[in-house]
Amino acid sequence: MTEPSLGSGEIETDYKVGQDNIDGKLGPIGYDIHNPVFATSGLTAVGFVFLTLIFPDQAGATFVAVRDFTITKLDWLFMHIVNFFVIFCIALIFMPISKVRLGGKDAEPDYSYLEWFAMLFAAGMGIGLLFFGVLEPVYHMNVSGPLGVASPIAADGSIIGENVEAARAMGLAATFYHWGLHGWAVYAIMALALSLFTYNKGLPFSIRSCFYPILGDRVWGWWGHVIDILAVFATLFGLATSLGLGAQQANAGFSFAFGLEISTNAQVIIIILVTAVALVSVWRGLDGGVKILSEINMGIAVLFFLFVLLAGPTLIGLNGFWTGLVAYTRDIIPLSNPFGRTDDAYRQGWTAFYWAWWVSWAPFVGMFIARVSRGRTVREFIICVLLIPSLIIFIWMGVFGGIAIDQILVSPETSLVKANVIDNYSPELSLFGMLNELPFTKTASTIAIFLALVFFVTSSDSGSLVVDTITAGGKIDAPVPQRIFWCVIEGLIAIVLLIGGGLSALQAGVTATGLPFSALMLVMCYTIFQGLRSEPR
């Protein structure tokens, strides 16, 4: 067995990408799979789908129990782990090893900044911008009470003036906390590890490669199989959560704009149709499918954002961004502290779930970011991955949340946002409640629905490419039918989670897979540091 080697440049190992794969044809369908990972992941996923369909009630009860245990008993663990990720990334920026270039000293970026940011935007943010952009600031302002800040809305619906500014700022800051540096640090660590050990060390493009400094050639055996299988499950359930939320959002939009009934059946049909579209993009590959959809997505999102900003109260929207940013900067440390707090509804019901969700998305988004980030220095990579997407999200959610909060405070009796978020909790309708008070409501709602669907497709197809790479032993050019298989499996898991318990089931899948993978990512921080130390700068 070759011992771990961290000399200058590539790691010396006899392992070749795909050497343990099984390839061939089954009729006209070609395959090239890493059998232990593909078989275990695929059969388990298919079994999960069938068991949930056969026993939906029992599955629903299990999902709720898993979610409740994880977010109430282990919230402190999630928060400490993600806090460490942020500190680690910031420390790397100021170290000399951050001058290392991903791909070697002479590597050039494969994509321009605009193309790079577009793919970060579409894959790393996804449906969350639309689903939570209005919901979270309003909910945290009034219901969850982060850091004990009191609601400005009294029991009788009247506005308590002295609570308004503090609650407005905290609602926005609490949202920024879930979508800012902490979440993107999770992605940055995964993507940096994959880039370093693939482009600089010459190892296969697979999660297991990141653990070579510790395991040596044992990483190509069952230790590595377990790591990759965990990554597959985390990715599948993280994506399924987003697909389920996307279906709920699109269904709510169709109901608001066109009167379509909100139901699980309608959401299942939406998932099926969008998965069918994603199959076309998956077939076309990264440059022919995902890249084009990402750029379309970014263009539509920018136009939609500008419409809301300019058609709504512009200064109030911009003030929402600034108010939230100032409060976030001021309160990021107390928001990050898991102990001595009384805001369980916020800390457990939201923060713990979010960190599990970000971690479960890390294999998917990390591999995707790594695929498009060769040629960047480590310092450039970390700064851009942490700050650029965070700033875009802060602007988006500051404007959307600021306008929605203003609508409630100005007209609490008639605000649809208040009705959908506070009075009768219907989170999927929160965005459309805000759009209801802007001009061209039906047109704007239609654009929002279309944008949600494109986000939906982009997440599904890029996730399929990533899972296929993991289960093909690090190969990025495996046969197309394998990608199609994983695209279909993602859609089916989202469907059975909706059938088996709705949002609770989606949250349970994320938290159950996010916890073990967060522990692996802690180890990954050590291997990144060891790998960078040996690289020429």
Protein backbone atom coordinates (compact mmCIF):
# COMPACT_ATOMS: atom_id res chain seq x y z
CA MET A 1 0.00 0.00 0.00
CA THR A 2 1.34 3.42 -0.94
CA GLU A 3 1.75 5.67 2.08
CA PRO A 4 0.32 9.19 2.07
CA SER A 5 2.66 11.50 0.17
CA LEU A 6 2.43 15.25 0.45
CA GLY A 7 5.55 16.27 -1.35
CA SER A 8 5.56 19.10 -3.86
CA GLY A 9 2.99 18.70 -6.59
CA GLU A 10 1.03 15.56 -7.25
CA ILE A 11 0.47 12.77 -4.74
CA GLU A 12 2.09 9.54 -5.81
CA THR A 13 -0.45 6.75 -5.96
CA ASP A 14 -0.94 3.77 -8.24
CA TYR A 15 -4.69 4.35 -8.35
CA LYS A 16 -6.15 5.37 -11.70
CA VAL A 17 -9.53 7.02 -12.15
CA GLY A 18 -12.16 4.39 -12.84
CA GLN A 19 -9.82 1.39 -12.40
CA ASP A 20 -12.34 -0.38 -10.16
CA ASN A 21 -15.33 0.53 -12.31
CA ILE A 22 -17.57 -1.93 -14.08
CA ASP A 23 -18.35 -0.88 -17.62
CA GLY A 24 -20.19 -2.33 -20.56
CA LYS A 25 -23.61 -2.27 -22.20
CA LEU A 26 -27.02 -3.48 -21.15
CA GLY A 27 -28.70 -3.64 -24.53
CA PRO A 28 -28.30 -0.17 -26.07
CA ILE A 29 -27.60 1.43 -22.66
CA GLY A 30 -23.96 1.94 -21.72
CA TYR A 31 -22.73 2.06 -18.14
CA ASP A 32 -19.49 2.84 -16.32
CA ILE A 33 -20.07 2.60 -12.57
CA HIS A 34 -18.04 2.34 -9.40
CA ASN A 35 -19.94 -0.71 -8.25
CA PRO A 36 -19.83 -0.58 -4.41
CA VAL A 37 -20.84 3.09 -4.37
CA PHE A 38 -23.35 2.99 -7.23
CA ALA A 39 -25.00 -0.26 -6.15
CA THR A 40 -25.29 0.64 -2.46
CA SER A 41 -26.49 4.18 -3.13
CA GLY A 42 -28.85 3.25 -5.94
CA LEU A 43 -30.46 0.25 -4.25
CA THR A 44 -30.86 2.10 -0.95
CA ALA A 45 -32.45 5.09 -2.70
CA VAL A 46 -34.85 2.88 -4.65
CA GLY A 47 -35.70 0.94 -1.48
CA PHE A 48 -36.37 4.19 0.38
CA VAL A 49 -38.75 5.32 -2.36
CA PHE A 50 -40.74 2.06 -2.31
CA LEU A 51 -40.91 1.74 1.48
CA THR A 52 -42.13 5.32 1.87
CA LEU A 53 -44.82 4.76 -0.76
CA ILE A 54 -45.93 1.49 0.86
CA PHE A 55 -45.91 2.81 4.44
CA PRO A 56 -46.52 6.58 4.18
CA ASP A 57 -47.98 7.02 7.69
CA GLN A 58 -45.18 5.16 9.44
CA ALA A 59 -42.62 6.96 7.30
CA GLY A 60 -44.14 10.33 8.18
CA ALA A 61 -43.96 9.58 11.92
CA THR A 62 -40.35 8.48 11.59
CA PHE A 63 -39.42 11.61 9.65
CA VAL A 64 -40.91 13.87 12.31
CA ALA A 65 -39.13 12.00 15.13
CA VAL A 66 -35.77 12.23 13.36
CA ARG A 67 -36.20 15.94 12.67
CA ASP A 68 -37.29 16.80 16.21
CA PHE A 69 -34.45 14.88 17.86
CA THR A 70 -31.77 16.34 15.61
CA ILE A 71 -32.75 19.99 15.80
CA THR A 72 -33.60 20.04 19.53
CA LYS A 73 -30.76 17.90 20.93
CA LEU A 74 -27.93 18.60 18.51
CA ASP A 75 -28.48 22.24 17.51
CA TRP A 76 -25.40 23.30 19.52
CA LEU A 77 -23.22 20.81 17.61
CA PHE A 78 -24.33 22.06 14.19
CA MET A 79 -23.72 25.66 15.26
CA HIS A 80 -20.23 25.02 16.64
CA ILE A 81 -19.17 23.07 13.54
CA VAL A 82 -20.33 25.75 11.12
CA ASN A 83 -18.76 28.49 13.29
CA PHE A 84 -15.46 26.65 12.94
CA PHE A 85 -15.84 26.54 9.15
CA VAL A 86 -16.15 30.35 9.03
CA ILE A 87 -13.10 30.87 11.25
CA PHE A 88 -11.07 28.38 9.20
CA CYS A 89 -11.90 30.11 5.90
CA ILE A 90 -11.10 33.58 7.22
CA ALA A 91 -7.81 32.33 8.68
CA LEU A 92 -6.82 30.81 5.32
CA ILE A 93 -7.27 34.15 3.56
CA PHE A 94 -4.51 35.72 5.66
CA MET A 95 -2.07 32.81 5.47
CA PRO A 96 0.77 32.68 2.89
CA ILE A 97 -0.59 29.33 1.64
CA SER A 98 -3.57 31.22 0.19
CA LYS A 99 -1.30 32.20 -2.73
CA VAL A 100 -1.55 28.64 -4.04
CA ARG A 101 -3.31 28.51 -7.41
CA LEU A 102 -5.89 25.77 -7.97
CA GLY A 103 -4.54 23.75 -10.89
CA GLY A 104 -0.91 24.77 -10.49
CA LYS A 105 1.14 27.94 -10.86
CA ASP A 106 0.38 28.36 -14.56
CA ALA A 107 -3.32 27.44 -14.52
CA GLU A 108 -5.77 29.86 -16.14
CA PRO A 109 -9.46 30.16 -15.17
CA ASP A 110 -11.82 28.14 -17.37
CA TYR A 111 -14.64 30.70 -17.05
CA SER A 112 -14.88 34.46 -16.87
CA TYR A 113 -15.97 36.13 -13.65
CA LEU A 114 -19.47 36.71 -15.03
CA GLU A 115 -19.88 33.07 -16.08
CA TRP A 116 -18.41 31.90 -12.78
CA PHE A 117 -20.72 34.07 -10.67
CA ALA A 118 -23.73 33.02 -12.75
CA MET A 119 -23.10 29.35 -12.02
CA LEU A 120 -22.44 30.07 -8.33
CA PHE A 121 -25.69 32.03 -8.24
CA ALA A 122 -27.87 29.37 -9.86
CA ALA A 123 -26.44 26.27 -8.19
CA GLY A 124 -25.61 27.59 -4.75
CA MET A 125 -28.71 29.67 -3.98
CA GLY A 126 -31.53 28.08 -5.90
CA ILE A 127 -35.14 28.15 -4.89
CA GLY A 128 -34.35 29.49 -1.42
CA LEU A 129 -34.19 33.07 -2.67
CA LEU A 130 -37.80 32.93 -3.79
CA PHE A 131 -39.19 30.74 -1.02
CA PHE A 132 -37.54 32.50 1.92
CA GLY A 133 -36.87 36.04 0.63
CA VAL A 134 -40.15 37.36 2.02
CA LEU A 135 -41.01 34.59 4.47
CA GLU A 136 -37.95 34.72 6.73
CA PRO A 137 -37.62 38.45 7.47
CA VAL A 138 -41.34 38.69 8.26
CA TYR A 139 -41.43 35.50 10.33
CA HIS A 140 -38.37 36.37 12.39
CA MET A 141 -39.59 39.92 12.94
CA ASN A 142 -42.84 38.70 14.45
CA VAL A 143 -42.83 35.03 15.44
CA SER A 144 -39.46 33.42 16.22
CA GLY A 145 -38.00 36.32 18.24
CA PRO A 146 -34.24 35.97 17.59
CA LEU A 147 -32.16 37.03 20.62
CA GLY A 148 -35.39 37.85 22.47
CA VAL A 149 -36.34 40.88 20.34
CA ALA A 150 -40.06 41.56 20.85
CA SER A 151 -42.60 41.55 18.02
CA PRO A 152 -43.97 44.93 16.86
CA ILE A 153 -47.43 43.40 16.27
CA ALA A 154 -49.71 43.13 19.30
CA ALA A 155 -52.21 40.33 19.84
CA ASP A 156 -55.04 42.53 18.57
CA GLY A 157 -53.13 43.30 15.36
CA SER A 158 -52.11 46.83 16.31
CA ILE A 159 -48.53 48.07 15.86
CA ILE A 160 -46.36 48.66 18.94
CA GLY A 161 -44.30 51.64 17.82
CA GLU A 162 -41.37 51.29 20.21
CA ASN A 163 -40.68 47.74 18.99
CA VAL A 164 -40.74 48.47 15.27
CA GLU A 165 -37.14 49.42 14.43
CA ALA A 166 -35.48 46.77 16.60
CA ALA A 167 -37.77 44.03 15.28
CA ARG A 168 -37.38 45.15 11.65
CA ALA A 169 -33.58 45.11 11.94
CA MET A 170 -33.50 41.75 13.74
CA GLY A 171 -35.86 40.10 11.25
CA LEU A 172 -33.50 41.03 8.42
CA ALA A 173 -30.29 40.27 10.33
CA ALA A 174 -31.57 36.86 11.42
CA THR A 175 -32.29 36.07 7.77
CA PHE A 176 -28.88 37.29 6.60
CA TYR A 177 -27.27 35.06 9.22
CA HIS A 178 -28.80 31.96 7.63
CA TRP A 179 -27.80 32.95 4.09
CA GLY A 180 -24.45 34.67 4.57
CA LEU A 181 -20.88 33.81 5.53
CA HIS A 182 -21.68 30.68 7.55
CA GLY A 183 -23.46 28.85 4.76
CA TRP A 184 -20.98 29.84 2.08
CA ALA A 185 -18.08 28.78 4.29
CA VAL A 186 -19.55 25.26 4.16
CA TYR A 187 -19.50 25.35 0.37
CA ALA A 188 -16.05 26.93 0.22
CA ILE A 189 -14.44 24.17 2.29
CA MET A 190 -15.90 21.37 0.21
CA ALA A 191 -15.08 23.05 -3.10
CA LEU A 192 -11.56 24.00 -2.01
CA ALA A 193 -10.77 20.45 -0.89
CA LEU A 194 -12.02 18.95 -4.15
CA SER A 195 -10.18 21.51 -6.28
CA LEU A 196 -6.92 21.08 -4.38
CA PHE A 197 -6.79 17.30 -4.39
CA THR A 198 -8.05 16.98 -7.97
CA TYR A 199 -6.30 19.78 -9.85
CA ASN A 200 -3.12 20.08 -7.77
CA LYS A 201 -2.61 16.60 -6.35
CA GLY A 202 -3.78 14.63 -9.40
CA LEU A 203 -6.36 12.50 -7.58
CA PRO A 204 -9.80 11.47 -8.91
CA PHE A 205 -12.58 14.06 -8.77
CA SER A 206 -14.34 12.45 -5.83
CA ILE A 207 -15.08 13.29 -2.19
CA ARG A 208 -12.89 10.43 -0.98
CA SER A 209 -9.80 12.01 -2.55
CA CYS A 210 -9.96 14.80 0.02
CA PHE A 211 -9.08 12.31 2.79
CA TYR A 212 -5.92 10.90 1.19
CA PRO A 213 -3.54 12.69 3.60
CA ILE A 214 -5.09 10.66 6.45
CA LEU A 215 -6.05 7.34 4.85
CA GLY A 216 -3.48 6.95 2.09
CA ASP A 217 -4.37 4.28 -0.47
CA ARG A 218 -6.98 2.90 1.94
CA VAL A 219 -9.16 5.72 0.61
CA TRP A 220 -9.71 3.63 -2.55
CA GLY A 221 -11.21 0.82 -0.46
CA TRP A 222 -14.22 0.62 1.83
CA TRP A 223 -13.23 3.70 3.82
CA GLY A 224 -13.61 5.69 0.62
CA HIS A 225 -16.78 3.85 -0.38
CA VAL A 226 -18.45 4.87 2.89
CA ILE A 227 -17.38 8.51 2.43
CA ASP A 228 -18.76 8.65 -1.11
CA ILE A 229 -22.00 6.89 -0.15
CA LEU A 230 -22.58 9.43 2.65
CA ALA A 231 -21.95 12.20 0.11
CA VAL A 232 -24.50 10.70 -2.29
CA PHE A 233 -27.19 10.45 0.39
CA ALA A 234 -26.51 13.97 1.68
CA THR A 235 -26.78 15.31 -1.86
CA LEU A 236 -29.95 13.41 -2.71
CA PHE A 237 -31.81 14.51 0.41
CA GLY A 238 -30.51 18.07 0.27
CA LEU A 239 -31.69 18.36 -3.32
CA ALA A 240 -34.98 16.64 -2.56
CA THR A 241 -35.70 19.29 0.08
CA SER A 242 -35.12 22.07 -2.42
CA LEU A 243 -37.16 20.32 -5.10
CA GLY A 244 -40.02 19.84 -2.65
CA LEU A 245 -39.94 23.51 -1.64
CA GLY A 246 -39.75 24.50 -5.30
CA ALA A 247 -42.83 22.44 -6.10
CA GLN A 248 -44.73 24.03 -3.21
CA GLN A 249 -43.69 27.51 -4.34
CA ALA A 250 -44.66 26.89 -7.98
CA ASN A 251 -47.97 25.34 -6.94
CA ALA A 252 -48.72 28.35 -4.73
CA GLY A 253 -47.87 30.68 -7.60
CA PHE A 254 -50.17 28.88 -10.01
CA SER A 255 -52.90 29.03 -7.37
CA PHE A 256 -52.39 32.75 -6.76
CA ALA A 257 -52.17 33.75 -10.41
CA PHE A 258 -54.42 31.21 -12.12
CA GLY A 259 -56.55 29.57 -9.42
CA LEU A 260 -54.92 26.13 -9.53
CA GLU A 261 -55.67 24.13 -6.38
CA ILE A 262 -52.84 23.77 -3.86
CA SER A 263 -52.40 20.06 -3.24
CA THR A 264 -49.81 17.33 -2.95
CA ASN A 265 -51.01 15.86 -6.26
CA ALA A 266 -50.38 19.15 -8.05
CA GLN A 267 -46.90 19.37 -6.52
CA VAL A 268 -46.12 15.81 -7.61
CA ILE A 269 -47.13 16.67 -11.18
CA ILE A 270 -44.91 19.77 -11.08
CA ILE A 271 -41.93 17.69 -9.90
CA ILE A 272 -42.53 15.17 -12.70
CA LEU A 273 -42.73 17.84 -15.40
CA VAL A 274 -39.69 19.75 -14.17
CA THR A 275 -37.67 16.54 -13.81
CA ALA A 276 -38.51 15.77 -17.45
CA VAL A 277 -37.10 19.15 -18.50
CA ALA A 278 -34.02 18.59 -16.30
CA LEU A 279 -33.39 15.31 -18.13
CA VAL A 280 -32.79 17.27 -21.35
CA SER A 281 -30.27 19.53 -19.61
CA VAL A 282 -28.57 16.53 -18.01
CA TRP A 283 -28.26 14.91 -21.41
CA ARG A 284 -26.59 18.05 -22.80
CA GLY A 285 -23.98 18.16 -20.03
CA LEU A 286 -22.26 20.99 -18.11
CA ASP A 287 -21.52 23.48 -20.88
CA GLY A 288 -24.47 22.61 -23.11
CA GLY A 289 -27.08 22.44 -20.37
CA VAL A 290 -26.20 23.68 -16.87
CA LYS A 291 -24.10 26.65 -17.98
CA ILE A 292 -26.77 27.94 -20.39
CA LEU A 293 -29.57 27.48 -17.87
CA SER A 294 -27.49 29.22 -15.18
CA GLU A 295 -26.98 32.26 -17.36
CA ILE A 296 -30.68 32.37 -18.28
CA ASN A 297 -31.51 32.02 -14.60
CA MET A 298 -29.25 34.87 -13.59
CA GLY A 299 -30.68 37.16 -16.27
CA ILE A 300 -34.30 36.51 -15.29
CA ALA A 301 -33.48 36.83 -11.57
CA VAL A 302 -31.81 40.22 -12.12
CA LEU A 303 -34.79 41.52 -14.12
CA PHE A 304 -37.26 40.22 -11.51
CA PHE A 305 -35.27 41.83 -8.70
CA LEU A 306 -35.11 45.17 -10.53
CA PHE A 307 -38.86 45.07 -11.12
CA VAL A 308 -39.57 44.56 -7.41
CA LEU A 309 -37.07 47.25 -6.43
CA LEU A 310 -38.32 49.87 -8.91
CA ALA A 311 -42.04 49.04 -8.88
CA GLY A 312 -42.14 48.89 -5.09
CA PRO A 313 -41.01 51.55 -2.62
CA THR A 314 -37.40 51.74 -3.82
CA LEU A 315 -35.89 53.61 -0.88
CA ILE A 316 -37.59 51.32 1.62
CA GLY A 317 -36.21 48.28 -0.21
CA LEU A 318 -32.66 49.69 -0.25
CA ASN A 319 -33.00 50.69 3.38
CA GLY A 320 -33.98 47.08 4.17
CA PHE A 321 -30.66 45.92 2.74
CA TRP A 322 -28.65 48.50 4.69
CA THR A 323 -30.57 48.00 7.94
CA GLY A 324 -30.16 44.24 7.72
CA LEU A 325 -26.45 44.48 6.88
CA VAL A 326 -25.69 46.77 9.83
CA ALA A 327 -27.67 44.57 12.25
CA TYR A 328 -26.10 41.39 10.85
CA THR A 329 -22.60 42.79 11.31
CA ARG A 330 -23.46 43.88 14.85
CA ASP A 331 -25.19 40.66 15.94
CA ILE A 332 -23.36 37.91 14.05
CA ILE A 333 -21.52 36.75 17.18
CA PRO A 334 -24.56 36.51 19.52
CA LEU A 335 -26.54 34.85 16.70
CA SER A 336 -23.73 32.29 16.36
CA ASN A 337 -23.65 31.44 20.08
CA PRO A 338 -25.81 28.37 20.89
CA PHE A 339 -25.82 28.73 24.67
CA GLY A 340 -27.68 30.90 27.17
CA ARG A 341 -30.50 31.77 24.78
CA THR A 342 -34.27 31.59 25.04
CA ASP A 343 -35.13 31.82 21.32
CA ASP A 344 -35.59 28.06 20.76
CA ALA A 345 -38.03 28.62 17.90
CA TYR A 346 -35.35 30.47 15.97
CA ARG A 347 -32.23 28.61 17.02
CA GLN A 348 -33.62 25.08 16.72
CA GLY A 349 -36.48 25.39 14.27
CA TRP A 350 -34.47 27.48 11.80
CA THR A 351 -30.72 27.67 12.42
CA ALA A 352 -30.11 23.98 13.14
CA PHE A 353 -32.16 22.99 10.10
CA TYR A 354 -30.36 25.50 7.91
CA TRP A 355 -26.88 24.32 8.87
CA ALA A 356 -27.91 20.73 8.20
CA TRP A 357 -29.33 21.83 4.85
CA TRP A 358 -26.17 23.71 3.84
CA VAL A 359 -24.02 20.73 4.84
CA SER A 360 -26.23 18.32 2.90
CA TRP A 361 -25.87 20.54 -0.16
CA ALA A 362 -22.09 20.78 0.28
CA PRO A 363 -21.12 17.69 -1.79
CA PHE A 364 -23.38 18.82 -4.62
CA VAL A 365 -22.54 22.54 -4.65
CA GLY A 366 -18.92 21.97 -3.61
CA MET A 367 -18.27 19.61 -6.51
CA PHE A 368 -20.07 21.96 -8.86
CA ILE A 369 -18.06 25.00 -7.69
CA ALA A 370 -14.85 22.98 -7.94
CA ARG A 371 -15.70 22.00 -11.53
CA VAL A 372 -15.85 25.67 -12.54
CA SER A 373 -13.12 27.20 -10.31
CA ARG A 374 -9.83 25.88 -11.67
CA GLY A 375 -7.25 28.62 -12.16
CA ARG A 376 -8.21 30.77 -9.14
CA THR A 377 -5.84 31.34 -6.22
CA VAL A 378 -7.01 30.06 -2.84
CA ARG A 379 -7.33 33.63 -1.52
CA GLU A 380 -9.32 34.77 -4.57
CA PHE A 381 -11.46 31.65 -4.38
CA ILE A 382 -12.38 32.00 -0.69
CA ILE A 383 -13.03 35.74 -0.83
CA CYS A 384 -15.25 35.43 -3.91
CA VAL A 385 -17.15 32.34 -2.72
CA LEU A 386 -17.77 33.86 0.72
CA LEU A 387 -18.48 37.48 -0.13
CA ILE A 388 -19.96 37.74 -3.64
CA PRO A 389 -22.91 35.33 -3.20
CA SER A 390 -23.50 36.58 0.38
CA LEU A 391 -23.70 40.18 -0.83
CA ILE A 392 -26.10 39.26 -3.64
CA ILE A 393 -28.33 37.40 -1.19
CA PHE A 394 -28.25 40.28 1.31
CA ILE A 395 -29.34 42.72 -1.38
CA TRP A 396 -32.11 40.40 -2.59
CA MET A 397 -33.50 39.51 0.81
CA GLY A 398 -33.00 43.01 2.18
CA VAL A 399 -35.11 44.49 -0.62
CA PHE A 400 -37.79 41.77 -0.67
CA GLY A 401 -37.94 41.48 3.11
CA GLY A 402 -37.78 45.23 3.68
CA ILE A 403 -40.68 45.89 1.30
CA ALA A 404 -42.77 43.05 2.79
CA ILE A 405 -42.20 44.26 6.36
CA ASP A 406 -43.16 47.78 5.35
CA GLN A 407 -46.41 46.50 3.80
CA ILE A 408 -47.31 44.86 7.10
CA LEU A 409 -46.45 47.84 9.28
CA VAL A 410 -48.27 50.31 7.03
CA SER A 411 -51.45 48.26 6.47
CA PRO A 412 -51.60 45.31 8.89
CA GLU A 413 -55.34 44.84 8.31
CA THR A 414 -55.06 44.31 4.54
CA SER A 415 -51.55 42.89 4.08
CA LEU A 416 -51.57 39.51 2.35
CA VAL A 417 -48.04 38.91 3.61
CA LYS A 418 -49.28 39.19 7.19
CA ALA A 419 -52.19 36.90 6.37
CA ASN A 420 -49.93 34.27 4.78
CA VAL A 421 -47.02 34.34 7.23
CA ILE A 422 -48.39 35.49 10.60
CA ASP A 423 -52.16 34.89 10.72
CA ASN A 424 -52.46 31.71 8.65
CA TYR A 425 -49.03 30.18 8.13
CA SER A 426 -48.74 29.45 4.40
CA PRO A 427 -45.03 30.00 3.66
CA GLU A 428 -45.24 29.13 -0.02
CA LEU A 429 -47.63 32.08 -0.56
CA SER A 430 -45.49 34.72 1.17
CA LEU A 431 -43.76 35.99 -1.99
CA PHE A 432 -47.03 36.30 -3.88
CA GLY A 433 -48.58 38.19 -0.99
CA MET A 434 -45.85 40.81 -1.37
CA LEU A 435 -46.28 40.95 -5.16
CA ASN A 436 -50.03 41.48 -4.68
CA GLU A 437 -49.39 45.07 -3.58
CA LEU A 438 -47.14 45.92 -6.54
CA PRO A 439 -48.30 46.87 -10.06
CA PHE A 440 -48.59 44.17 -12.77
CA THR A 441 -49.21 41.57 -10.08
CA LYS A 442 -50.18 38.71 -12.39
CA THR A 443 -47.25 39.32 -14.76
CA ALA A 444 -44.79 39.53 -11.88
CA SER A 445 -46.23 36.37 -10.32
CA THR A 446 -45.91 34.52 -13.61
CA ILE A 447 -42.26 35.55 -13.89
CA ALA A 448 -41.69 34.40 -10.29
CA ILE A 449 -43.22 31.01 -11.10
CA PHE A 450 -41.05 30.65 -14.20
CA LEU A 451 -37.94 31.66 -12.25
CA ALA A 452 -38.74 29.11 -9.54
CA LEU A 453 -39.09 26.40 -12.18
CA VAL A 454 -35.76 27.31 -13.82
CA PHE A 455 -34.05 27.27 -10.42
CA PHE A 456 -35.73 23.92 -9.94
CA VAL A 457 -34.34 22.54 -13.21
CA THR A 458 -30.84 23.92 -12.64
CA SER A 459 -30.58 22.36 -9.19
CA SER A 460 -31.84 19.02 -10.44
CA ASP A 461 -29.56 18.69 -13.45
CA SER A 462 -26.38 19.98 -11.80
CA GLY A 463 -27.07 17.72 -8.82
CA SER A 464 -27.45 14.74 -11.15
CA LEU A 465 -24.09 15.48 -12.75
CA VAL A 466 -22.44 15.60 -9.34
CA VAL A 467 -24.00 12.38 -7.99
CA ASP A 468 -23.11 10.64 -11.23
CA THR A 469 -19.49 11.73 -10.86
CA ILE A 470 -19.33 10.34 -7.31
CA THR A 471 -20.90 7.00 -8.27
CA ALA A 472 -18.70 6.70 -11.37
CA GLY A 473 -15.50 6.68 -9.33
CA GLY A 474 -14.60 10.29 -10.12
CA LYS A 475 -15.20 10.12 -13.87
CA ILE A 476 -16.77 13.27 -15.30
CA ASP A 477 -17.64 11.72 -18.68
CA ALA A 478 -19.67 8.68 -17.61
CA PRO A 479 -22.47 7.49 -19.93
CA VAL A 480 -25.52 9.75 -20.08
CA PRO A 481 -28.04 7.07 -18.94
CA GLN A 482 -26.40 7.11 -15.50
CA ARG A 483 -27.05 10.84 -15.12
CA ILE A 484 -30.64 10.28 -16.23
CA PHE A 485 -31.04 7.57 -13.57
CA TRP A 486 -29.94 9.93 -10.79
CA CYS A 487 -32.10 12.76 -12.10
CA VAL A 488 -35.14 10.48 -11.91
CA ILE A 489 -34.17 9.25 -8.42
CA GLU A 490 -33.91 12.85 -7.15
CA GLY A 491 -37.40 13.59 -8.39
CA LEU A 492 -38.81 10.40 -6.88
CA ILE A 493 -37.27 11.10 -3.45
CA ALA A 494 -38.75 14.59 -3.47
CA ILE A 495 -42.16 13.11 -4.36
CA VAL A 496 -42.14 10.43 -1.65
CA LEU A 497 -40.97 12.91 0.99
CA LEU A 498 -43.90 15.18 0.12
CA ILE A 499 -46.28 12.22 0.25
CA GLY A 500 -44.74 10.92 3.47
CA GLY A 501 -44.95 14.10 5.52
CA GLY A 502 -44.47 17.29 3.54
CA LEU A 503 -42.09 19.89 4.96
CA SER A 504 -41.38 17.84 8.11
CA ALA A 505 -40.21 14.91 6.00
CA LEU A 506 -38.03 17.19 3.86
CA GLN A 507 -36.40 18.62 6.99
CA ALA A 508 -35.90 15.15 8.47
CA GLY A 509 -34.08 13.89 5.38
CA VAL A 510 -31.72 16.86 5.48
CA THR A 511 -30.90 16.73 9.18
CA ALA A 512 -30.36 12.97 9.21
CA THR A 513 -27.80 13.12 6.40
CA GLY A 514 -26.27 16.49 7.28
CA LEU A 515 -25.03 15.49 10.73
CA PRO A 516 -22.60 12.68 9.80
CA PHE A 517 -21.36 14.61 6.81
CA SER A 518 -20.59 17.71 8.90
CA ALA A 519 -18.21 15.53 10.97
CA LEU A 520 -16.44 14.45 7.78
CA MET A 521 -16.07 18.07 6.76
CA LEU A 522 -14.33 18.90 10.03
CA VAL A 523 -11.68 16.32 9.12
CA MET A 524 -11.54 17.83 5.65
CA CYS A 525 -10.33 21.15 7.11
CA TYR A 526 -7.22 19.34 8.39
CA THR A 527 -6.52 17.68 5.03
CA ILE A 528 -6.91 21.02 3.22
CA PHE A 529 -4.32 22.61 5.47
CA GLN A 530 -1.93 19.71 5.01
CA GLY A 531 -2.39 19.72 1.27
CA LEU A 532 -1.83 23.46 0.88
CA ARG A 533 1.36 23.39 2.94
CA SER A 534 3.08 21.28 0.31
CA GLU A 535 2.02 23.31 -2.72
CA PRO A 536 4.26 25.78 -4.61
CA ARG A 537 2.89 29.33 -4.35
